[in-house]
Protein backbone atom coordinates (compact mmCIF):
# COMPACT_ATOMS: atom_id res chain seq x y z
CA MET A 1 0.31 -11.54 -10.36
CA LYS A 2 0.03 -12.85 -13.92
CA LEU A 3 0.48 -10.37 -16.70
CA THR A 4 -2.24 -12.24 -18.53
CA ASP A 5 -4.77 -11.29 -15.87
CA LEU A 6 -6.11 -8.41 -17.92
CA ARG A 7 -9.30 -8.09 -15.92
CA ALA A 8 -7.30 -7.23 -12.80
CA ILE A 9 -5.40 -4.56 -14.72
CA LEU A 10 -8.25 -3.08 -16.72
CA GLN A 11 -10.40 -2.21 -13.70
CA TYR A 12 -7.67 0.21 -12.59
CA VAL A 13 -6.87 1.75 -15.97
CA PRO A 14 -9.65 4.40 -16.07
CA ARG A 15 -8.61 5.59 -12.60
CA PHE A 16 -4.93 6.01 -13.54
CA ARG A 17 -5.04 7.09 -17.18
CA ASP A 18 -3.26 10.44 -17.71
CA ARG A 19 -2.36 10.60 -14.00
CA THR A 20 1.19 10.84 -12.68
CA PHE A 21 3.17 8.20 -10.80
CA VAL A 22 6.51 9.09 -9.20
CA LEU A 23 8.80 6.08 -8.83
CA ALA A 24 11.65 6.48 -6.36
CA LEU A 25 14.38 3.95 -7.11
CA ASP A 26 17.08 3.13 -4.58
CA GLY A 27 20.56 2.83 -6.08
CA ALA A 28 20.74 -0.78 -4.93
CA VAL A 29 17.64 -1.57 -6.97
CA VAL A 30 19.17 -0.10 -10.12
CA ALA A 31 22.21 -2.32 -9.52
CA ASP A 32 20.09 -5.45 -9.07
CA ASP A 33 19.61 -8.12 -11.74
CA ASN A 34 15.83 -7.56 -11.66
CA PHE A 35 16.13 -3.91 -12.71
CA PRO A 36 15.42 -4.57 -16.43
CA ASN A 37 12.10 -6.14 -15.37
CA ILE A 38 11.18 -2.98 -13.46
CA LEU A 39 11.75 -1.00 -16.64
CA LEU A 40 9.47 -3.43 -18.50
CA ASP A 41 6.83 -2.69 -15.86
CA VAL A 42 7.38 1.01 -16.51
CA ALA A 43 6.78 0.35 -20.21
CA VAL A 44 3.44 -1.28 -19.30
CA LEU A 45 2.46 1.80 -17.27
CA ARG A 46 3.32 4.08 -20.19
CA SER A 47 1.36 1.88 -22.61
CA LEU A 48 -1.70 2.57 -20.42
CA ASN A 49 -1.13 6.35 -20.68
CA ILE A 50 0.12 6.66 -17.13
CA ARG A 51 2.68 9.48 -16.81
CA VAL A 52 5.83 8.31 -15.05
CA VAL A 53 8.66 10.23 -13.38
CA LEU A 54 11.74 8.34 -12.16
CA VAL A 55 13.72 9.67 -9.20
CA HIS A 56 16.77 7.65 -8.22
CA GLY A 57 19.26 7.36 -5.41
CA ALA A 58 22.94 6.43 -5.67
CA ALA A 59 24.06 5.31 -2.20
CA GLU A 60 25.04 1.85 -3.40
CA GLN A 61 27.10 3.30 -6.25
CA ILE A 62 28.77 5.90 -4.03
CA LYS A 63 29.77 3.14 -1.63
CA ALA A 64 31.25 1.07 -4.48
CA LEU A 65 33.17 4.03 -5.93
CA ALA A 66 34.51 4.96 -2.51
CA GLU A 67 35.82 1.42 -1.99
CA GLN A 68 37.49 1.45 -5.41
CA ARG A 69 39.24 4.72 -4.64
CA GLY A 70 40.06 3.95 -1.03
CA ILE A 71 37.95 6.88 0.19
CA VAL A 72 35.68 7.05 3.22
CA PRO A 73 32.60 9.10 2.19
CA SER A 74 31.21 11.57 4.71
CA ASN A 75 27.69 10.23 4.02
CA LEU A 76 25.98 7.96 1.55
CA ASP A 77 22.36 9.09 1.30
CA GLY A 78 22.56 12.88 1.26
CA SER A 79 21.19 13.36 4.76
CA GLY A 80 24.45 14.10 6.60
CA VAL A 81 27.50 16.23 5.94
CA THR A 82 28.77 16.17 2.36
CA ASP A 83 32.36 17.22 1.94
CA GLU A 84 33.93 18.11 -1.41
CA GLN A 85 35.35 14.62 -1.90
CA THR A 86 31.98 12.97 -1.24
CA LEU A 87 30.22 15.41 -3.54
CA SER A 88 32.57 14.37 -6.33
CA LEU A 89 31.72 10.72 -5.67
CA ALA A 90 28.00 11.54 -5.61
CA VAL A 91 28.10 13.37 -8.94
CA THR A 92 29.99 10.54 -10.64
CA ALA A 93 27.78 7.85 -9.12
CA ALA A 94 24.54 9.72 -9.92
CA ASN A 95 25.60 10.18 -13.54
CA GLN A 96 26.36 6.47 -13.81
CA VAL A 97 22.93 5.55 -12.44
CA THR A 98 21.14 8.07 -14.66
CA HIS A 99 22.94 6.70 -17.70
CA LYS A 100 22.02 3.11 -16.79
CA ILE A 101 18.35 4.09 -16.46
CA LEU A 102 18.34 5.97 -19.77
CA GLU A 103 20.07 3.04 -21.45
CA GLY A 104 17.53 0.58 -20.03
CA LEU A 105 14.57 2.71 -21.06
CA SER A 106 15.96 2.84 -24.61
CA VAL A 107 15.86 -0.95 -24.69
CA THR A 108 12.12 -0.79 -23.94
CA ASP A 109 11.70 1.85 -26.67
CA LEU A 110 10.80 4.60 -24.21
CA ARG A 111 11.95 8.18 -24.56
CA ALA A 112 13.53 9.70 -21.45
CA ALA A 113 15.69 12.62 -20.41
CA SER A 114 17.85 13.49 -17.43
CA ALA A 115 16.25 16.49 -15.78
CA ASN A 116 18.01 19.14 -13.68
CA ALA A 117 14.63 20.05 -12.21
CA VAL A 118 15.64 20.25 -8.53
CA ILE A 119 16.46 23.77 -7.33
CA ALA A 120 18.30 23.49 -4.04
CA HIS A 121 20.06 25.59 -1.46
CA PRO A 122 22.60 24.59 1.18
CA LEU A 123 21.22 22.74 4.19
CA GLY A 124 23.50 25.01 6.17
CA ILE A 125 24.65 24.82 9.78
CA ILE A 126 22.52 22.64 12.03
CA HIS A 127 23.31 22.30 15.74
CA GLY A 128 26.67 23.88 15.03
CA VAL A 129 27.57 21.46 12.22
CA ASP A 130 28.18 22.82 8.72
CA HIS A 131 26.66 20.35 6.25
CA LYS A 132 28.75 21.85 3.42
CA TYR A 133 27.57 20.43 0.07
CA THR A 134 24.45 18.75 1.40
CA GLY A 135 21.42 20.52 -0.03
CA LYS A 136 17.76 20.97 0.71
CA VAL A 137 15.09 21.03 -1.99
CA GLU A 138 13.90 24.60 -2.46
CA ARG A 139 11.48 23.95 -5.30
CA ILE A 140 10.85 21.75 -8.33
CA ASP A 141 10.83 23.11 -11.87
CA THR A 142 7.30 21.88 -12.47
CA GLU A 143 6.88 23.57 -15.85
CA PHE A 144 9.97 21.79 -17.19
CA LEU A 145 8.76 18.40 -15.97
CA GLN A 146 5.24 18.94 -17.29
CA THR A 147 6.68 19.84 -20.69
CA LEU A 148 8.63 16.58 -20.78
CA LEU A 149 5.63 14.55 -19.62
CA GLY A 150 3.35 16.28 -22.10
CA ASN A 151 5.63 15.14 -24.89
CA GLY A 152 5.71 11.55 -23.74
CA ILE A 153 9.19 11.82 -22.25
CA ILE A 154 10.02 10.19 -18.90
CA PRO A 155 12.00 12.56 -16.68
CA VAL A 156 14.87 10.88 -14.85
CA ILE A 157 15.88 12.91 -11.79
CA PRO A 158 19.18 12.28 -9.95
CA PRO A 159 19.79 12.99 -6.23
CA LEU A 160 21.42 16.31 -7.09
CA GLY A 161 20.16 19.85 -6.76
CA PHE A 162 21.38 23.08 -8.31
CA ASN A 163 21.16 26.69 -7.22
CA GLY A 164 20.88 29.79 -9.39
CA GLU A 165 24.64 30.17 -9.51
CA GLY A 166 25.18 26.67 -10.91
CA ARG A 167 26.45 25.11 -7.70
CA THR A 168 25.69 21.44 -7.17
CA TYR A 169 24.39 19.97 -3.93
CA ARG A 170 23.84 16.40 -2.81
CA VAL A 171 20.19 15.90 -1.83
CA ASN A 172 18.38 12.94 -0.33
CA SER A 173 16.53 11.09 -3.09
CA ASP A 174 13.53 10.27 -0.86
CA ASN A 175 13.03 13.99 -0.21
CA VAL A 176 13.40 14.71 -3.92
CA ALA A 177 10.74 12.13 -4.73
CA LEU A 178 8.41 13.67 -2.12
CA ALA A 179 8.95 17.17 -3.55
CA VAL A 180 8.37 15.99 -7.13
CA ALA A 181 5.21 14.07 -6.22
CA ARG A 182 3.85 17.09 -4.38
CA ALA A 183 4.72 19.54 -7.17
CA LEU A 184 3.19 17.41 -9.93
CA GLY A 185 0.07 16.38 -8.00
CA ALA A 186 0.98 12.70 -8.39
CA VAL A 187 -1.63 10.11 -7.41
CA LYS A 188 1.05 7.62 -6.42
CA LEU A 189 4.53 7.80 -4.94
CA ILE A 190 6.20 4.41 -5.07
CA PHE A 191 9.46 3.79 -3.22
CA ILE A 192 11.19 0.83 -4.87
CA THR A 193 13.68 -0.59 -2.39
CA THR A 194 15.39 -3.86 -1.47
CA ALA A 195 13.05 -4.51 1.50
CA ASP A 196 9.56 -6.06 1.45
CA GLY A 197 8.00 -2.84 2.71
CA LEU A 198 8.21 -0.51 5.70
CA ILE A 199 9.51 -2.55 8.61
CA TYR A 200 8.44 -1.59 12.13
CA GLN A 201 9.70 -3.52 15.14
CA GLY A 202 10.79 -6.36 12.89
CA ARG A 203 7.51 -6.77 11.01
CA VAL A 204 6.40 -5.51 7.60
CA ILE A 205 3.52 -3.06 7.70
CA ARG A 206 1.10 -4.07 4.95
CA GLN A 207 -1.27 -1.10 5.01
CA ILE A 208 -1.59 1.86 7.30
CA LEU A 209 -3.55 5.10 7.46
CA VAL A 210 -1.32 8.17 7.40
CA GLY A 211 -2.45 9.24 10.88
CA GLU A 212 -1.44 5.86 12.28
CA LEU A 213 1.96 6.10 10.60
CA GLU A 214 2.49 9.56 12.06
CA ALA A 215 1.57 8.22 15.49
CA LEU A 216 4.20 5.48 15.18
CA LEU A 217 6.82 8.02 14.12
CA GLU A 218 6.00 10.24 17.08
CA LYS A 219 5.80 7.38 19.58
CA ASN A 220 8.81 5.30 18.59
CA ARG A 221 10.89 6.39 15.62
CA ALA A 222 13.50 3.83 16.62
CA GLY A 223 10.99 1.09 15.79
CA PHE A 224 11.66 1.64 12.11
CA VAL A 225 14.64 0.16 10.33
CA PRO A 226 17.12 3.11 10.31
CA GLU A 227 17.58 3.20 6.53
CA GLN A 228 13.77 3.38 6.12
CA LEU A 229 13.09 6.22 8.49
CA ALA A 230 13.29 8.85 5.75
CA LYS A 231 10.88 6.82 3.62
CA ALA A 232 8.39 6.56 6.47
CA GLU A 233 8.55 10.31 7.08
CA CYS A 234 8.30 11.11 3.37
CA ALA A 235 5.35 8.71 2.97
CA ALA A 236 3.45 10.50 5.73
CA ALA A 237 4.35 13.95 4.35
CA ALA A 238 3.31 12.94 0.83
CA CYS A 239 -0.14 11.80 1.95
CA ARG A 240 -0.62 15.03 3.88
CA ALA A 241 0.42 16.94 0.74
CA GLY A 242 -2.33 15.34 -1.35
CA VAL A 243 -0.71 12.20 -2.76
CA GLU A 244 -3.48 9.60 -2.50
CA ARG A 245 -1.32 6.50 -2.09
CA VAL A 246 2.31 5.90 -1.13
CA HIS A 247 3.81 2.45 -1.64
CA VAL A 248 7.04 0.86 -0.45
CA ILE A 249 7.89 -2.31 -2.38
CA ASN A 250 10.74 -4.73 -3.00
CA GLY A 251 12.30 -4.04 -6.39
CA ARG A 252 13.91 -7.46 -6.46
CA GLU A 253 10.54 -9.16 -6.90
CA ASP A 254 9.67 -9.91 -10.50
CA GLU A 255 6.52 -8.10 -11.68
CA GLY A 256 6.32 -6.54 -8.22
CA LEU A 257 5.55 -3.04 -9.48
CA LEU A 258 2.58 -4.19 -11.54
CA ALA A 259 1.35 -6.44 -8.73
CA GLU A 260 1.41 -3.47 -6.35
CA VAL A 261 -0.34 -1.08 -8.72
CA PHE A 262 -2.91 -3.39 -10.29
CA SER A 263 -4.10 -5.53 -7.39
CA ASN A 264 -5.66 -4.65 -4.07
CA GLU A 265 -3.50 -7.26 -2.31
CA GLY A 266 -0.19 -5.65 -3.30
CA ILE A 267 3.22 -6.94 -2.30
CA GLY A 268 4.58 -4.24 0.01
CA THR A 269 3.41 -1.42 2.25
CA LEU A 270 0.54 0.92 1.39
CA VAL A 271 0.18 4.25 3.17
CA TYR A 272 -3.08 6.00 2.40
CA ALA A 273 -4.57 9.36 3.20
CA ASP A 274 -8.28 8.63 2.81
CA GLU A 275 -10.58 5.79 3.69
CA TYR A 276 -9.11 3.24 1.40
CA ASP A 277 -11.49 0.56 2.61
CA GLN A 278 -15.11 0.52 3.69
CA ILE A 279 -18.01 -1.65 4.74
CA ARG A 280 -21.25 -1.12 2.86
CA ARG A 281 -24.58 -2.84 2.39
CA ALA A 282 -24.54 -5.43 -0.41
CA ARG A 283 -26.25 -4.64 -3.68
CA LYS A 284 -27.78 -7.04 -6.20
CA LYS A 285 -24.66 -6.94 -8.34
CA ASP A 286 -22.66 -8.17 -5.30
CA VAL A 287 -24.41 -11.54 -5.12
CA THR A 288 -21.97 -13.06 -7.60
CA ALA A 289 -19.03 -11.66 -5.58
CA ILE A 290 -20.43 -13.13 -2.34
CA LEU A 291 -20.83 -16.55 -3.92
CA ALA A 292 -17.31 -16.38 -5.37
CA LEU A 293 -15.81 -15.16 -2.08
CA THR A 294 -17.36 -17.93 -0.01
CA ARG A 295 -17.13 -20.83 -2.46
CA THR A 296 -13.93 -22.29 -0.99
CA ALA A 297 -15.23 -22.04 2.57
CA VAL A 298 -18.51 -23.71 1.59
CA GLU A 299 -16.63 -26.55 -0.11
CA ALA A 300 -14.53 -27.01 3.04
CA ASP A 301 -17.73 -27.05 5.14
CA GLU A 302 -16.63 -23.93 7.01
CA LEU A 303 -19.72 -22.02 5.89
CA LEU A 304 -23.29 -23.07 5.24
CA LYS A 305 -24.10 -23.36 1.56
CA ARG A 306 -26.25 -20.50 0.29
CA THR A 307 -27.83 -20.33 -3.13
CA ARG A 308 -28.12 -17.19 -5.22
CA ALA A 309 -31.85 -17.16 -4.44
CA ASP A 310 -31.12 -17.42 -0.68
CA ILE A 311 -28.82 -14.41 -0.76
CA GLU A 312 -31.10 -12.35 -2.99
CA ARG A 313 -34.07 -13.07 -0.72
CA HIS A 314 -32.20 -11.65 2.30
CA LEU A 315 -29.90 -9.25 0.46
CA GLU A 316 -30.56 -6.40 2.91
CA ASP A 317 -28.89 -8.54 5.60
CA TYR A 318 -25.53 -8.75 3.76
CA PHE A 319 -22.58 -6.39 3.94
CA ILE A 320 -19.44 -6.16 1.85
CA PHE A 321 -15.94 -5.11 2.92
CA GLU A 322 -14.25 -3.58 -0.10
CA ILE A 323 -10.81 -2.18 -0.80
CA ASP A 324 -10.55 0.30 -3.66
CA ASN A 325 -14.00 -0.87 -4.83
CA ASN A 326 -13.03 -4.59 -4.78
CA PRO A 327 -14.93 -6.94 -2.43
CA VAL A 328 -12.53 -8.82 -0.13
CA GLY A 329 -14.86 -9.84 2.70
CA CYS A 330 -18.50 -10.24 3.62
CA VAL A 331 -20.82 -10.77 6.58
CA ALA A 332 -24.54 -11.09 7.18
CA LEU A 333 -26.72 -9.92 10.08
CA HIS A 334 -30.05 -11.74 10.47
CA MET A 335 -32.41 -10.14 12.99
CA TYR A 336 -34.90 -11.89 15.28
CA PRO A 337 -36.42 -8.75 16.86
CA GLU A 338 -39.24 -10.54 18.68
CA TYR A 339 -36.57 -12.40 20.64
CA GLY A 340 -34.12 -9.51 20.99
CA LYS A 341 -31.46 -11.59 19.23
CA ALA A 342 -29.45 -11.33 16.01
CA GLU A 343 -27.26 -13.77 14.11
CA LEU A 344 -23.81 -12.98 12.76
CA ALA A 345 -23.51 -15.19 9.67
CA CYS A 346 -21.52 -15.69 6.47
CA LEU A 347 -18.39 -14.06 7.89
CA TYR A 348 -15.57 -14.52 5.38
CA VAL A 349 -12.36 -12.77 4.35
CA LYS A 350 -10.29 -13.61 1.27
CA PRO A 351 -7.15 -15.58 2.20
CA SER A 352 -5.01 -12.88 0.56
CA HIS A 353 -6.37 -10.38 3.11
CA GLU A 354 -6.26 -12.48 6.25
CA ASN A 355 -4.47 -11.17 9.37
CA ARG A 356 -5.20 -7.55 8.48
CA GLY A 357 -7.99 -7.01 10.98
CA ILE A 358 -10.77 -7.16 8.36
CA GLY A 359 -12.66 -9.95 10.14
CA ARG A 360 -12.56 -7.99 13.39
CA LYS A 361 -13.90 -4.87 11.64
CA LEU A 362 -16.77 -6.86 10.13
CA VAL A 363 -17.68 -8.34 13.52
CA GLN A 364 -17.55 -4.92 15.20
CA PHE A 365 -19.69 -3.46 12.42
CA VAL A 366 -22.34 -6.14 12.87
CA GLU A 367 -22.29 -5.70 16.66
CA LYS A 368 -22.86 -1.97 16.23
CA LYS A 369 -25.75 -2.57 13.83
CA ALA A 370 -27.34 -5.08 16.20
CA ARG A 371 -27.07 -2.70 19.16
CA GLU A 372 -28.55 0.14 17.13
CA ALA A 373 -31.50 -2.12 16.31
CA GLY A 374 -32.06 -2.78 20.03
CA MET A 375 -30.86 -6.39 20.04
CA ARG A 376 -29.78 -7.73 23.42
CA GLU A 377 -27.71 -10.68 22.17
CA LEU A 378 -25.66 -11.63 19.16
CA PHE A 379 -25.09 -15.26 18.25
CA ALA A 380 -23.06 -17.13 15.65
CA LEU A 381 -22.90 -20.75 14.52
CA SER A 382 -19.53 -22.17 13.59
CA THR A 383 -18.05 -25.58 12.78
CA GLN A 384 -14.40 -24.57 12.38
CA ALA A 385 -13.86 -20.91 13.28
CA TYR A 386 -15.33 -21.00 16.78
CA THR A 387 -11.95 -20.39 18.42
CA TYR A 388 -11.72 -17.10 16.47
CA PHE A 389 -15.08 -15.96 17.83
CA GLN A 390 -14.07 -16.87 21.34
CA SER A 391 -10.50 -15.50 21.39
CA LYS A 392 -10.82 -12.50 19.07
CA ALA A 393 -14.45 -11.42 19.16
CA GLY A 394 -15.49 -11.96 22.78
CA PHE A 395 -18.08 -14.69 22.22
CA VAL A 396 -18.69 -17.51 24.69
CA GLU A 397 -19.98 -20.99 23.97
CA GLY A 398 -23.70 -21.47 24.38
CA THR A 399 -26.19 -24.21 23.59
CA PRO A 400 -28.93 -24.70 21.00
CA ASP A 401 -31.37 -23.51 23.69
CA ASP A 402 -29.87 -20.03 23.28
CA LEU A 403 -31.15 -19.84 19.69
CA PRO A 404 -34.46 -18.20 18.77
CA PRO A 405 -37.01 -21.01 18.09
CA PRO A 406 -37.16 -20.41 14.29
CA ARG A 407 -33.37 -20.56 14.07
CA ARG A 408 -33.14 -23.60 16.33
CA GLU A 409 -35.46 -25.48 14.03
CA LYS A 410 -33.18 -24.79 11.04
CA TYR A 411 -30.15 -25.66 13.15
CA GLU A 412 -31.51 -29.11 13.98
CA GLN A 413 -32.60 -29.74 10.38
CA SER A 414 -29.13 -28.91 9.03
CA GLY A 415 -27.37 -31.69 10.90
CA ARG A 416 -24.13 -29.64 10.92
CA ARG A 417 -23.88 -29.72 14.74
CA SER A 418 -22.25 -26.27 14.71
CA LYS A 419 -21.07 -24.78 17.96
CA VAL A 420 -23.37 -22.06 19.26
CA LEU A 421 -21.54 -18.89 20.26
CA ILE A 422 -23.18 -15.97 21.99
CA LYS A 423 -22.29 -12.44 23.00
CA LYS A 424 -24.35 -10.18 25.27
CA LEU A 425 -24.85 -6.70 23.81
CA VAL A 426 -26.38 -5.04 26.88
């Protein structure tokens, strides 16, 4: 994403202005050379009046401190047993990370403050094992955080919790981020890690509905990379708690945070609670988008050239697939009711959104519409994508004789010699 692409940014600004983002930074990200660029991205968010809370981990720093001191920590991420020695490492490491973040924010001329906003109690004895100084988030001091945010101050929250008696507990930073996002009614929770997204069975998940993520967790938790399991669980819990979008991105990618927030392609994993995408009938204002979407395919002779007048004349036949109100695909359904046949036409998906099942959804949508209209057969004409229709959409090769007479006449006049593909609907 280019920072100069202001149009891409500005379309999101009204939606996010004065809303809260919680950014959960892994300790390894803070230690990475790209970290100053992340803070520059944070400065951009703040310049757009987006309220930002930073929650950080410290596993990488605990590991480094332990090696320096010749100590074997009882756990690194606050999810296992924390003995007194490991708690001491965690406090030192967390303070170092907090200081580095505050220092970096000062360079970008942003005001920030370390916030002891996590009230915790001991995790206790689980399956007979005393977890000692490992804590569980009891609540978040929301009033304190809102006061800081209201004064333009970025709260920086370490992976430490405190009880009413002043005792300190090591808490998992992913769970802290979840609790903070829930308490503040954040619209986004963004996990900034050193991976390209949530990885399941060796592949990065690009976008997933919360129910589908929960099903994967229930079916095969072992399919997730072990160090990401907590993030997957927290992402699902956050969506169920009212956070609209949860992202998992690679913090080592320059401008990655802005690319994830201000483009519908993104760079990592998106977990969403509502219908983030939809298919709708095209409107007059969509004609320009359809022409822009299909221009490359028309130039490559993949699609038949259509003029603005052609599309406007049959606008009721066109449908748009949009993500967060941005058109990323289109399709047309031309009916020949006197012959009981319908044509699937102008199927196209932006290259940036290929291999996400969007084409399949558009085909299924058109099939459903054709069936509802009482059509007995669906046909498509293709010069280059015919293998897709055959292998993915269940079409079989036909002949020009299968076309309705009016469409066959146009077919012969075009000289494109497209393959005819048909699919029985009854």
